[in-house]
Amino acid sequence: MSWLSRVRSGIPFLPKRQTTDNLWHKCRKCESMVFTKEWEENLFVCPRCDHHDRIGPKERFEQVFDKGHHETLPSPEVKEDPLRFRDTKRYTDRLKAARSSTEEKDALINARGKIGGKAAIVGVQDFAFMGGSMGVAVGAAFVAGVRAAIADKAPFVLFTAAGGARMQEGILSLMQMPRTTVALAELREAGLPYIVVLTDPTTGGVTASYAMLGDVQVAEPGALIGFAGARVIEQTIREKLPEGFQRAEYLLEHGIIDMVVRRHDLKDQLANLIDYLGPDKNKAGKKAA
């Protein structure tokens, strides 16, 4: 090591050297090279083509809650690897790897905070955690989020992102579909709104259950939303699918979702929906009736 390197290493306030790995971000859609700082300041949206990249619970909570202030709710304890599943790797090893890379316990995280001054419980599925797949832990977290909303008399807002059911948990994973549906019945019985924000991608059993049961269905631009893959559908019906099939804009045009909202406008839109659908409005409507 040269004397210059030793001096540089000994300076405590010298900023970390920026390299091509952390200085630039390559857009998945247009493949443009964008300054990472510019991309992050633009809410992880490409400033060239407006591609909304996938983000996790931490970034989502900071964007949605007022001033980013929130309280993360504890994840319910569930039995791990109930089937003792193993493919090329043990399921327990896959869980450890996912937890190490995301620093989260499982694919669905709930938090409590305020949106536009109104209390709300927000759940976020993290696609980085085993593709956001729905297992027993995700089902338990969903139910816990719903019951926290009921206890707080607040709406439940869910950001979905999933490849479907978690194959390593077999039928137990599929059982989360009716389980979450029953939990939503409890929420509606309490007169509280359920708002779903569909993000890229939302597919499989998640789409076939709680992702499509919202009082209002919102989606981010360009989000892939569907049950089966486009290739599987084409092979089944033996027809060519239209351009943009299963994208948020196509679903909006055909009346499957209610609105497509850019990430920059999402917080304000959620605040408006909560204000309009919130429990105070429901009580006022019942008194008027």
Protein backbone atom coordinates (compact mmCIF):
# COMPACT_ATOMS: atom_id res chain seq x y z
CA MET A 1 0.00 0.00 0.00
CA SER A 2 1.41 3.39 -1.01
CA TRP A 3 1.67 6.36 1.38
CA LEU A 4 -1.16 8.08 -0.56
CA SER A 5 -3.51 5.12 -0.09
CA ARG A 6 -2.72 5.01 3.63
CA VAL A 7 -3.49 8.72 4.00
CA ARG A 8 -6.75 8.41 2.08
CA SER A 9 -7.83 5.42 4.17
CA GLY A 10 -7.12 7.36 7.35
CA ILE A 11 -9.42 10.27 6.50
CA PRO A 12 -12.72 9.51 8.30
CA PHE A 13 -14.86 12.01 6.38
CA LEU A 14 -13.80 10.96 2.89
CA PRO A 15 -16.98 9.91 1.04
CA LYS A 16 -17.31 6.39 -0.32
CA ARG A 17 -16.02 6.20 -3.83
CA GLN A 18 -18.82 5.98 -6.38
CA THR A 19 -18.49 3.30 -9.02
CA THR A 20 -20.55 2.26 -12.01
CA ASP A 21 -22.33 -0.24 -9.72
CA ASN A 22 -23.88 2.42 -7.51
CA LEU A 23 -23.68 5.54 -9.67
CA TRP A 24 -25.91 4.37 -12.52
CA HIS A 25 -29.22 2.54 -12.82
CA LYS A 26 -30.24 0.74 -16.00
CA CYS A 27 -33.97 0.98 -16.71
CA ARG A 28 -35.58 -2.44 -17.22
CA LYS A 29 -37.90 -1.09 -19.90
CA CYS A 30 -36.03 1.42 -22.07
CA GLU A 31 -32.53 0.32 -20.93
CA SER A 32 -31.48 3.95 -20.45
CA MET A 33 -28.67 4.62 -18.01
CA VAL A 34 -29.94 6.99 -15.32
CA PHE A 35 -28.09 8.46 -12.37
CA THR A 36 -29.09 6.37 -9.34
CA LYS A 37 -29.69 9.50 -7.29
CA GLU A 38 -31.98 10.95 -9.96
CA TRP A 39 -33.86 7.65 -10.19
CA GLU A 40 -34.35 7.43 -6.41
CA GLU A 41 -35.41 11.07 -6.12
CA ASN A 42 -37.98 10.35 -8.84
CA LEU A 43 -39.52 7.69 -6.56
CA PHE A 44 -37.77 4.85 -8.40
CA VAL A 45 -39.51 5.81 -11.65
CA CYS A 46 -37.47 6.11 -14.85
CA PRO A 47 -37.37 9.81 -15.86
CA ARG A 48 -36.95 8.77 -19.52
CA CYS A 49 -39.84 6.33 -20.11
CA ASP A 50 -41.83 6.60 -16.83
CA HIS A 51 -41.29 2.91 -16.02
CA HIS A 52 -42.36 2.27 -12.42
CA ASP A 53 -39.76 -0.04 -10.94
CA ARG A 54 -40.43 -2.54 -8.19
CA ILE A 55 -39.85 -1.30 -4.65
CA GLY A 56 -40.09 -2.88 -1.21
CA PRO A 57 -41.98 -2.08 2.00
CA LYS A 58 -39.39 0.36 3.34
CA GLU A 59 -39.52 2.66 0.28
CA ARG A 60 -43.29 2.27 -0.05
CA PHE A 61 -44.00 3.25 3.56
CA GLU A 62 -41.74 6.30 3.26
CA GLN A 63 -43.58 7.43 0.13
CA VAL A 64 -47.15 6.80 1.28
CA PHE A 65 -47.28 7.81 4.95
CA ASP A 66 -47.25 11.46 6.01
CA LYS A 67 -43.59 12.52 6.29
CA GLY A 68 -42.74 8.82 6.13
CA HIS A 69 -43.69 8.37 9.79
CA HIS A 70 -45.02 4.88 10.53
CA GLU A 71 -44.94 2.01 13.00
CA THR A 72 -44.13 -1.39 11.53
CA LEU A 73 -46.44 -4.07 12.93
CA PRO A 74 -44.91 -7.34 14.15
CA SER A 75 -45.20 -10.29 11.79
CA PRO A 76 -47.29 -13.19 13.15
CA GLU A 77 -45.45 -16.34 14.16
CA VAL A 78 -46.25 -19.32 11.94
CA LYS A 79 -44.85 -22.81 11.52
CA GLU A 80 -42.07 -22.74 8.96
CA ASP A 81 -41.62 -25.46 6.36
CA PRO A 82 -44.76 -27.39 7.40
CA LEU A 83 -44.26 -29.90 4.55
CA ARG A 84 -40.48 -30.23 4.96
CA PHE A 85 -40.20 -29.35 1.30
CA ARG A 86 -37.07 -29.74 -0.72
CA ASP A 87 -36.34 -29.28 -4.42
CA THR A 88 -32.84 -28.27 -5.55
CA LYS A 89 -32.56 -26.59 -2.13
CA ARG A 90 -34.30 -26.98 1.20
CA TYR A 91 -37.18 -24.58 1.73
CA THR A 92 -35.65 -23.43 5.01
CA ASP A 93 -32.49 -22.43 3.13
CA ARG A 94 -34.54 -20.43 0.62
CA LEU A 95 -36.26 -18.62 3.48
CA LYS A 96 -32.91 -17.79 5.09
CA ALA A 97 -31.57 -16.43 1.80
CA ALA A 98 -34.69 -14.29 1.24
CA ARG A 99 -34.53 -12.89 4.76
CA SER A 100 -30.87 -12.12 4.40
CA SER A 101 -31.34 -10.22 1.13
CA THR A 102 -34.51 -8.29 2.09
CA GLU A 103 -34.05 -8.01 5.88
CA GLU A 104 -37.74 -8.88 6.24
CA LYS A 105 -39.35 -11.89 7.90
CA ASP A 106 -41.62 -12.73 4.97
CA ALA A 107 -43.24 -11.30 1.85
CA LEU A 108 -45.99 -9.18 3.46
CA ILE A 109 -45.25 -6.38 5.93
CA ASN A 110 -47.86 -4.18 7.65
CA ALA A 111 -47.44 -0.70 9.12
CA ARG A 112 -49.57 1.83 10.95
CA GLY A 113 -49.52 5.56 10.16
CA LYS A 114 -51.43 8.44 8.62
CA ILE A 115 -52.18 9.28 5.02
CA GLY A 116 -53.39 12.82 4.47
CA GLY A 117 -53.92 13.16 8.22
CA LYS A 118 -56.15 10.07 8.40
CA ALA A 119 -55.17 6.87 10.20
CA ALA A 120 -54.54 3.84 8.00
CA ILE A 121 -53.05 0.36 8.08
CA VAL A 122 -50.92 -0.33 5.02
CA GLY A 123 -49.67 -3.72 3.90
CA VAL A 124 -46.95 -4.15 1.27
CA GLN A 125 -45.97 -7.33 -0.53
CA ASP A 126 -42.31 -7.50 -1.42
CA PHE A 127 -41.63 -9.20 -4.75
CA ALA A 128 -37.96 -9.47 -3.77
CA PHE A 129 -38.95 -11.99 -1.07
CA MET A 130 -39.41 -15.23 -3.05
CA GLY A 131 -41.42 -13.42 -5.71
CA GLY A 132 -43.86 -12.08 -3.12
CA SER A 133 -45.37 -15.56 -3.06
CA MET A 134 -48.38 -16.24 -0.86
CA GLY A 135 -47.73 -18.75 1.90
CA VAL A 136 -49.04 -19.28 5.41
CA ALA A 137 -46.99 -16.35 6.73
CA VAL A 138 -48.43 -14.00 4.09
CA GLY A 139 -51.96 -15.15 4.89
CA ALA A 140 -51.36 -14.64 8.61
CA ALA A 141 -49.88 -11.18 8.00
CA PHE A 142 -52.87 -10.23 5.84
CA VAL A 143 -55.32 -11.29 8.55
CA ALA A 144 -53.26 -9.43 11.17
CA GLY A 145 -53.34 -6.28 9.00
CA VAL A 146 -57.12 -6.51 8.61
CA ARG A 147 -57.66 -7.00 12.34
CA ALA A 148 -55.32 -4.11 13.15
CA ALA A 149 -57.43 -1.94 10.84
CA ILE A 150 -60.61 -3.08 12.63
CA ALA A 151 -59.05 -2.36 16.04
CA ASP A 152 -57.95 1.11 14.87
CA LYS A 153 -61.23 1.72 13.00
CA ALA A 154 -59.09 2.61 10.00
CA PRO A 155 -59.02 1.55 6.34
CA PHE A 156 -56.74 -1.23 5.14
CA VAL A 157 -54.60 -0.36 2.11
CA LEU A 158 -52.73 -3.19 0.42
CA PHE A 159 -49.97 -2.99 -2.20
CA THR A 160 -49.86 -6.30 -4.02
CA ALA A 161 -46.85 -7.77 -5.84
CA ALA A 162 -46.68 -11.52 -6.25
CA GLY A 163 -46.02 -14.40 -8.56
CA GLY A 164 -48.84 -16.37 -6.93
CA ALA A 165 -49.05 -19.10 -4.30
CA ARG A 166 -45.90 -20.46 -2.68
CA MET A 167 -45.33 -23.92 -4.13
CA GLN A 168 -43.17 -25.03 -1.20
CA GLU A 169 -46.25 -24.97 1.05
CA GLY A 170 -48.60 -26.83 -1.29
CA ILE A 171 -52.28 -26.89 -0.34
CA LEU A 172 -51.57 -24.80 2.77
CA SER A 173 -50.65 -21.94 0.45
CA LEU A 174 -53.90 -22.26 -1.52
CA MET A 175 -55.87 -22.24 1.74
CA GLN A 176 -54.81 -18.62 2.24
CA MET A 177 -57.18 -17.62 -0.59
CA PRO A 178 -60.42 -18.36 1.36
CA ARG A 179 -58.75 -17.37 4.62
CA THR A 180 -58.04 -13.83 3.42
CA THR A 181 -61.50 -13.59 1.86
CA VAL A 182 -63.10 -14.36 5.22
CA ALA A 183 -60.90 -11.71 6.88
CA LEU A 184 -62.15 -9.15 4.35
CA ALA A 185 -65.73 -10.06 5.25
CA GLU A 186 -64.88 -9.05 8.83
CA LEU A 187 -63.49 -5.74 7.59
CA ARG A 188 -66.62 -4.98 5.57
CA GLU A 189 -68.83 -5.96 8.49
CA ALA A 190 -66.97 -3.33 10.51
CA GLY A 191 -67.81 -0.76 7.79
CA LEU A 192 -64.17 -0.13 6.88
CA PRO A 193 -62.80 0.30 3.35
CA TYR A 194 -60.32 -1.99 1.66
CA ILE A 195 -58.20 -0.28 -1.00
CA VAL A 196 -55.95 -2.33 -3.25
CA VAL A 197 -52.99 -0.94 -5.19
CA LEU A 198 -51.89 -3.43 -7.83
CA THR A 199 -48.18 -3.17 -8.62
CA ASP A 200 -45.92 -5.01 -11.02
CA PRO A 201 -46.42 -7.95 -11.06
CA THR A 202 -49.63 -9.22 -9.45
CA THR A 203 -50.42 -12.71 -10.68
CA GLY A 204 -51.60 -16.20 -9.77
CA GLY A 205 -53.54 -17.03 -6.62
CA VAL A 206 -53.06 -13.54 -5.22
CA THR A 207 -54.95 -12.09 -8.18
CA ALA A 208 -57.59 -14.81 -7.75
CA SER A 209 -58.21 -13.78 -4.15
CA TYR A 210 -57.57 -10.64 -2.12
CA ALA A 211 -55.95 -8.60 -4.92
CA MET A 212 -59.28 -8.30 -6.75
CA LEU A 213 -61.61 -7.84 -3.78
CA GLY A 214 -60.97 -4.18 -3.02
CA ASP A 215 -63.66 -1.55 -2.67
CA VAL A 216 -61.44 0.43 -5.02
CA GLN A 217 -58.90 -1.14 -7.37
CA VAL A 218 -55.94 1.12 -8.15
CA ALA A 219 -52.92 0.16 -10.27
CA GLU A 220 -49.54 1.64 -11.06
CA PRO A 221 -48.80 2.37 -14.73
CA GLY A 222 -47.65 -0.60 -16.77
CA ALA A 223 -48.20 -3.12 -13.97
CA LEU A 224 -48.58 -6.74 -15.08
CA ILE A 225 -51.86 -8.03 -13.62
CA GLY A 226 -53.37 -11.44 -14.33
CA PHE A 227 -53.92 -15.00 -13.23
CA ALA A 228 -52.22 -17.27 -15.76
CA GLY A 229 -49.31 -16.25 -17.98
CA ALA A 230 -50.02 -14.85 -21.43
CA ARG A 231 -48.27 -17.77 -23.17
CA VAL A 232 -50.38 -20.30 -21.27
CA ILE A 233 -53.57 -18.46 -22.23
CA GLU A 234 -52.55 -18.28 -25.88
CA GLN A 235 -51.82 -22.01 -25.95
CA THR A 236 -55.16 -22.75 -24.27
CA ILE A 237 -57.44 -20.61 -26.45
CA ARG A 238 -55.21 -20.92 -29.53
CA GLU A 239 -55.51 -17.25 -30.33
CA LYS A 240 -53.10 -14.34 -30.36
CA LEU A 241 -53.66 -12.01 -27.42
CA PRO A 242 -54.05 -8.25 -28.02
CA GLU A 243 -51.19 -5.82 -27.46
CA GLY A 244 -50.75 -4.83 -23.82
CA PHE A 245 -52.93 -7.68 -22.57
CA GLN A 246 -52.76 -7.99 -18.74
CA ARG A 247 -51.24 -4.54 -18.35
CA ALA A 248 -52.87 -1.99 -16.04
CA GLU A 249 -54.00 0.31 -18.87
CA TYR A 250 -55.70 -2.56 -20.73
CA LEU A 251 -57.53 -3.64 -17.57
CA LEU A 252 -58.69 -0.08 -16.92
CA GLU A 253 -60.01 0.22 -20.47
CA HIS A 254 -62.01 -2.99 -20.02
CA GLY A 255 -63.45 -2.08 -16.61
CA ILE A 256 -61.53 -4.56 -14.47
CA ILE A 257 -59.83 -1.90 -12.32
CA ASP A 258 -60.96 1.58 -11.32
CA MET A 259 -57.92 3.78 -11.96
CA VAL A 260 -54.28 3.87 -12.96
CA VAL A 261 -52.29 6.33 -10.86
CA ARG A 262 -48.67 7.41 -11.20
CA ARG A 263 -46.52 6.91 -8.12
CA HIS A 264 -46.04 10.67 -7.74
CA ASP A 265 -49.81 11.15 -7.37
CA LEU A 266 -50.57 7.99 -5.42
CA LYS A 267 -50.39 9.37 -1.90
CA ASP A 268 -52.80 12.22 -2.69
CA GLN A 269 -55.18 9.83 -4.44
CA LEU A 270 -55.15 7.44 -1.48
CA ALA A 271 -55.77 10.36 0.88
CA ASN A 272 -58.82 11.36 -1.20
CA LEU A 273 -60.16 7.80 -1.22
CA ILE A 274 -59.67 7.39 2.53
CA ASP A 275 -61.37 10.71 3.16
CA TYR A 276 -64.30 9.71 0.96
CA LEU A 277 -64.66 6.08 2.07
CA GLY A 278 -63.46 6.36 5.67
CA PRO A 279 -65.46 5.20 8.71
CA ASP A 280 -66.58 8.77 9.52
CA LYS A 281 -68.27 8.99 6.12
CA ASN A 282 -69.98 5.64 6.65
CA LYS A 283 -71.40 6.76 9.99
CA ALA A 284 -72.65 10.01 8.46
CA GLY A 285 -74.34 8.05 5.67
CA LYS A 286 -76.10 5.73 8.13
CA LYS A 287 -77.39 8.68 10.20
CA ALA A 288 -78.70 10.41 7.09
CA ALA A 289 -80.49 7.23 6.05
